[in-house]
N, C-alpha and C. Protein backbone atom coordinates (compact mmCIF):
# COMPACT_ATOMS: atom_id res chain seq x y z
N UNK A 1 0.84 -1.21 0.00
CA UNK A 1 0.00 0.00 0.00
C UNK A 1 0.87 1.25 0.00
N UNK A 2 0.38 2.27 -0.67
CA UNK A 2 1.12 3.53 -0.72
C UNK A 2 0.72 4.41 0.46
N UNK A 3 1.69 5.12 0.99
CA UNK A 3 1.39 6.05 2.06
C UNK A 3 0.79 7.32 1.45
N UNK A 4 -0.11 7.98 2.17
CA UNK A 4 -0.71 9.22 1.65
C UNK A 4 0.35 10.26 1.30
N UNK A 5 1.42 10.31 2.08
CA UNK A 5 2.47 11.30 1.82
C UNK A 5 3.17 11.00 0.50
N UNK A 6 3.51 9.74 0.28
CA UNK A 6 4.20 9.38 -0.96
C UNK A 6 3.27 9.59 -2.15
N UNK A 7 1.98 9.32 -1.95
CA UNK A 7 1.01 9.52 -3.03
C UNK A 7 0.90 11.00 -3.36
N UNK A 8 0.87 11.83 -2.33
CA UNK A 8 0.78 13.28 -2.54
C UNK A 8 2.02 13.80 -3.24
N UNK A 9 3.19 13.31 -2.82
CA UNK A 9 4.44 13.74 -3.45
C UNK A 9 4.46 13.32 -4.92
N UNK A 10 3.99 12.11 -5.18
CA UNK A 10 3.94 11.63 -6.56
C UNK A 10 3.03 12.51 -7.41
N UNK A 11 1.87 12.89 -6.86
CA UNK A 11 0.94 13.75 -7.60
C UNK A 11 1.55 15.11 -7.85
N UNK A 12 2.23 15.67 -6.83
CA UNK A 12 2.86 16.98 -6.98
C UNK A 12 3.95 16.93 -8.04
N UNK A 13 4.76 15.87 -8.01
CA UNK A 13 5.83 15.73 -8.99
C UNK A 13 5.24 15.61 -10.39
N UNK A 14 4.17 14.84 -10.53
CA UNK A 14 3.53 14.67 -11.84
C UNK A 14 3.00 16.00 -12.36
N UNK A 15 2.41 16.79 -11.46
CA UNK A 15 1.88 18.11 -11.85
C UNK A 15 3.02 19.03 -12.27
N UNK A 16 4.13 19.01 -11.51
CA UNK A 16 5.26 19.86 -11.84
C UNK A 16 5.87 19.47 -13.17
N UNK A 17 5.98 18.16 -13.42
CA UNK A 17 6.53 17.69 -14.70
C UNK A 17 5.62 18.12 -15.85
N UNK A 18 4.31 17.97 -15.68
CA UNK A 18 3.37 18.36 -16.73
C UNK A 18 3.46 19.87 -16.98
N UNK A 19 3.57 20.65 -15.90
CA UNK A 19 3.68 22.10 -16.05
C UNK A 19 4.98 22.47 -16.75
N UNK A 20 6.07 21.77 -16.43
CA UNK A 20 7.36 22.05 -17.07
C UNK A 20 7.30 21.73 -18.55
N UNK A 21 6.64 20.62 -18.89
CA UNK A 21 6.52 20.24 -20.31
C UNK A 21 5.69 21.27 -21.06
N UNK A 22 4.58 21.70 -20.47
CA UNK A 22 3.73 22.69 -21.13
C UNK A 22 4.46 24.01 -21.26
N UNK A 23 5.24 24.39 -20.23
CA UNK A 23 5.99 25.64 -20.28
C UNK A 23 7.06 25.59 -21.36
N UNK A 24 7.74 24.44 -21.48
CA UNK A 24 8.77 24.28 -22.51
C UNK A 24 8.13 24.34 -23.90
N UNK A 25 6.98 23.69 -24.06
CA UNK A 25 6.29 23.71 -25.35
C UNK A 25 5.80 25.12 -25.66
N UNK A 26 5.37 25.84 -24.62
CA UNK A 26 4.90 27.22 -24.80
C UNK A 26 6.04 28.11 -25.26
N UNK A 27 7.23 27.97 -24.65
CA UNK A 27 8.38 28.78 -25.04
C UNK A 27 8.84 28.42 -26.45
N UNK A 28 8.74 27.13 -26.79
CA UNK A 28 9.20 26.70 -28.11
C UNK A 28 8.25 27.16 -29.21
N UNK A 29 6.94 27.09 -28.94
CA UNK A 29 5.95 27.45 -29.95
C UNK A 29 5.75 28.97 -30.00
N UNK A 30 5.89 29.63 -28.84
CA UNK A 30 5.68 31.08 -28.74
C UNK A 30 4.26 31.45 -29.17
N UNK A 31 3.29 30.60 -28.82
CA UNK A 31 1.90 30.87 -29.15
C UNK A 31 1.11 31.03 -27.84
N UNK A 32 0.43 32.15 -27.66
CA UNK A 32 -0.35 32.36 -26.43
C UNK A 32 -1.40 31.27 -26.26
N UNK A 33 -1.45 30.69 -25.06
CA UNK A 33 -2.40 29.60 -24.82
C UNK A 33 -3.80 30.15 -24.57
N UNK A 34 -3.91 31.47 -24.39
CA UNK A 34 -5.21 32.07 -24.11
C UNK A 34 -6.08 32.05 -25.37
N UNK A 35 -5.44 32.24 -26.53
CA UNK A 35 -6.17 32.24 -27.80
C UNK A 35 -6.51 30.81 -28.20
N UNK A 36 -7.79 30.51 -28.43
CA UNK A 36 -8.18 29.15 -28.84
C UNK A 36 -7.63 28.84 -30.23
N UNK A 37 -7.28 27.56 -30.45
CA UNK A 37 -6.69 27.15 -31.71
C UNK A 37 -7.74 26.71 -32.71
N UNK A 38 -9.00 27.07 -32.47
CA UNK A 38 -10.07 26.66 -33.38
C UNK A 38 -10.16 27.63 -34.54
N UNK A 39 -9.94 27.13 -35.73
CA UNK A 39 -9.99 27.99 -36.92
C UNK A 39 -11.38 27.93 -37.55
């Protein structure tokens, strides 16, 4: 069984990794995420 603390840390790490990936993609694309991509 997983401890609540380890589960919370895992969730936080996953969120940080996802945020880092989105931030890197945002810097690479240089496209504002506020504007919808629906043409």
